[in-house]
Protein backbone atom coordinates (compact mmCIF):
# COMPACT_ATOMS: atom_id res chain seq x y z
CA MET A 1 0.00 0.08 -0.03
CA ALA A 2 1.27 3.51 -0.81
CA GLU A 3 2.16 5.83 1.50
CA VAL A 4 1.56 9.92 1.34
CA ILE A 5 2.56 12.78 3.83
CA CYS A 6 0.11 14.96 5.50
CA SER A 7 0.10 18.70 4.19
CA TYR A 8 -0.91 19.60 7.22
CA CYS A 9 1.11 17.91 9.96
CA GLN A 10 3.92 15.91 7.71
CA ASN A 11 2.68 12.64 9.21
CA GLN A 12 3.46 9.49 6.85
CA ILE A 13 -0.23 7.86 6.40
CA SER A 14 -2.17 5.20 3.48
CA GLU A 15 -2.63 6.92 0.58
CA ASP A 16 -6.12 6.02 0.51
CA SER A 17 -6.82 7.19 3.66
CA ASP A 18 -9.88 9.68 4.53
CA PHE A 19 -8.52 12.06 7.42
CA CYS A 20 -4.78 12.17 8.96
CA PRO A 21 -5.63 9.88 12.08
CA ARG A 22 -2.70 12.13 13.98
CA CYS A 23 -3.94 15.88 12.72
CA GLY A 24 -7.63 15.35 12.19
CA SER A 25 -7.20 16.78 8.32
CA LEU A 26 -9.62 15.65 5.82
CA PHE A 27 -8.45 14.60 2.60
CA ALA A 28 -11.50 12.81 0.88
CA GLU A 29 -13.87 15.43 -1.17
CA ASN A 30 -17.64 15.72 -0.42
CA ILE A 31 -17.28 14.53 3.18
CA LYS A 32 -19.92 16.84 4.83
CA CYS A 33 -20.29 17.76 8.85
CA LYS A 34 -21.38 15.70 11.22
CA LEU A 35 -24.18 18.10 12.65
CA HIS A 36 -24.85 20.30 9.33
CA ASP A 37 -25.20 17.87 5.91
CA ASP A 38 -25.78 21.11 4.06
CA VAL A 39 -22.23 21.86 5.23
CA ASP A 40 -18.75 20.37 4.61
CA ALA A 41 -16.40 18.76 7.17
CA GLU A 42 -13.60 20.85 7.99
CA GLY A 43 -11.97 18.01 9.57
CA VAL A 44 -12.22 15.16 11.82
CA CYS A 45 -12.19 14.91 15.87
CA LEU A 46 -9.09 12.59 16.69
CA ILE A 47 -11.34 11.79 20.13
CA CYS A 48 -14.60 11.21 18.30
CA SER A 49 -14.04 10.26 14.71
CA GLU A 50 -16.08 12.25 13.09
CA PRO A 51 -15.96 15.03 10.58
CA TYR A 52 -17.22 18.79 11.80
CA CYS A 53 -17.78 21.68 10.28
CA SER A 54 -15.32 24.70 11.40
CA ASP A 55 -18.51 25.91 13.49
CA CYS A 56 -18.61 22.33 15.49
CA GLY A 57 -14.98 21.79 15.38
CA ASN A 58 -11.30 23.15 14.72
CA TYR A 59 -7.58 22.56 15.36
CA VAL A 60 -6.07 23.17 19.05
CA ASN A 61 -2.84 22.65 19.05
CA LYS A 62 -2.84 22.09 15.66
CA LEU A 63 -5.35 18.66 15.84
CA PHE A 64 -8.51 18.81 15.33
CA LEU A 65 -11.27 18.16 17.80
CA CYS A 66 -14.81 18.40 17.62
CA ASN A 67 -15.79 21.60 20.11
CA LYS A 68 -17.24 18.37 22.38
CA HIS A 69 -13.91 17.09 22.72
CA ASN A 70 -11.58 19.95 22.62
CA SER A 71 -10.78 20.71 26.20
CA TYR A 72 -8.40 17.03 26.48
CA GLU A 73 -4.85 16.99 27.17
CA ILE A 74 -3.09 15.39 23.73
CA TYR A 75 0.32 14.68 23.95
CA GLU A 76 1.96 13.07 20.96
CA GLY A 77 -1.30 11.03 20.26
CA PHE A 78 -2.27 10.16 23.87
CA ALA A 79 -5.25 12.18 25.53
CA ARG A 80 -5.65 12.24 29.48
CA ILE A 81 -8.57 10.13 30.63
CA PHE A 82 -7.74 10.06 34.49
CA GLY A 83 -5.59 12.15 37.16
CA SER A 84 -4.72 11.56 40.50
CA SER A 85 -1.66 12.16 42.74
CA ASP A 86 -2.17 8.19 43.92
CA HIS A 87 0.27 6.17 41.86
CA LEU A 88 -1.71 2.75 43.09
CA GLN A 89 -4.54 4.58 41.66
CA CYS A 90 -3.16 5.27 38.56
CA ASP A 91 -1.87 1.67 37.92
CA TYR A 92 -5.24 0.18 39.27
CA VAL A 93 -6.70 1.98 35.97
CA LYS A 94 -3.98 1.31 33.95
CA SER A 95 -4.03 -2.30 34.81
CA CYS A 96 -8.16 -2.24 34.59
CA LEU A 97 -8.28 -0.76 31.02
CA GLU A 98 -4.75 -3.15 29.75
CA GLN A 99 -7.12 -5.92 30.96
CA ASN A 100 -10.16 -4.63 28.49
CA SER A 101 -7.51 -4.09 25.41
CA ILE A 102 -6.75 -0.34 25.61
CA HIS A 103 -3.53 0.97 25.57
CA PRO A 104 -2.89 3.26 28.28
CA ILE A 105 0.27 4.90 29.51
CA ILE A 106 0.87 7.03 33.46
CA PHE A 107 2.34 9.90 32.23
CA SER A 108 4.13 12.13 35.41
CA ASN A 109 6.24 15.24 35.77
CA LYS A 110 7.58 13.97 39.36
CA PHE A 111 10.92 13.21 38.24
CA SER A 112 11.27 16.54 35.78
CA GLN A 113 13.71 18.79 36.29
CA LEU A 114 11.97 21.15 38.89
CA TYR A 115 11.21 18.10 40.47
CA ILE A 116 11.68 19.88 44.77
CA GLY A 117 12.16 16.59 46.60
CA SER A 118 8.44 15.72 47.92
CA GLU A 119 6.91 12.58 47.60
CA ASN A 120 3.31 14.41 46.15
CA TYR A 121 4.15 17.75 44.41
CA SER A 122 6.62 19.51 42.02
CA VAL A 123 6.65 23.19 40.94
CA PHE A 124 6.58 24.57 37.23
CA SER A 125 6.15 28.14 35.89
CA THR A 126 3.51 29.40 34.39
CA GLY A 127 5.31 31.60 31.60
CA ASP A 128 5.06 34.37 33.92
CA GLN A 129 8.62 34.45 36.70
CA SER A 130 6.65 35.81 39.47
CA LYS A 131 4.02 32.49 39.01
CA PHE A 132 4.61 29.12 40.10
CA PHE A 133 2.29 26.69 40.74
CA ILE A 134 2.39 23.13 42.48
CA HIS A 135 1.44 20.24 40.06
CA ASN A 136 1.15 17.08 41.27
CA GLU A 137 -1.40 14.25 38.95
CA ILE A 138 -0.19 11.52 38.09
CA LYS A 139 -2.07 10.74 34.58
CA VAL A 140 -3.56 7.62 32.84
CA MET A 141 -3.22 8.57 29.42
CA VAL A 142 -4.67 6.52 26.03
CA PRO A 143 -4.46 6.65 22.56
CA CYS A 144 -6.93 9.15 20.74
CA SER A 145 -9.01 6.64 19.19
CA GLU A 146 -9.52 4.65 22.23
CA VAL A 147 -10.66 7.80 24.61
CA LEU A 148 -14.51 6.79 24.83
CA GLU A 149 -14.10 2.84 24.98
CA ALA A 150 -11.47 4.06 27.99
CA GLU A 151 -13.74 6.77 29.28
CA LYS A 152 -16.71 4.06 29.81
CA ILE A 153 -14.46 1.12 31.51
CA ILE A 154 -13.43 4.38 33.91
CA SER A 155 -17.08 5.59 34.76
CA GLY A 156 -17.39 1.51 36.34
CA LEU A 157 -14.88 1.95 38.05
CA GLU A 158 -15.02 2.05 42.20
CA LEU A 159 -12.45 5.27 42.98
């Protein structure tokens, strides 16, 4: 199967793809918005894989997301679906997801260069040198295409 390069994000994809799975750019023509069947879609939401027009979705940090899913934290194709300062709770969530054929990863900034030595906290700058905040969240992240299924599984857990 031939490969092509997405003109928006430079991701290598198969020639017969309708959209880029990395950024949501739409390649197929005459695809209509899920909510407006008379309006051409601008892109495909990376979370729900549905096409949307520019009124119903847009690019957020170079990734196309519908208005419903535009607040997800996304890093390298993985979206945050759960967060806690408790390692055991995050490990439990990760294990439950893996048992259901989901591919989670644990993301933590605790051991970054800004780690201040406490078990539960790291310091991060907001960009303004006079303002810092303490952040202790460990994130459970899954591939964007698995978010909706992972959220169903998590909603059934006793956390």
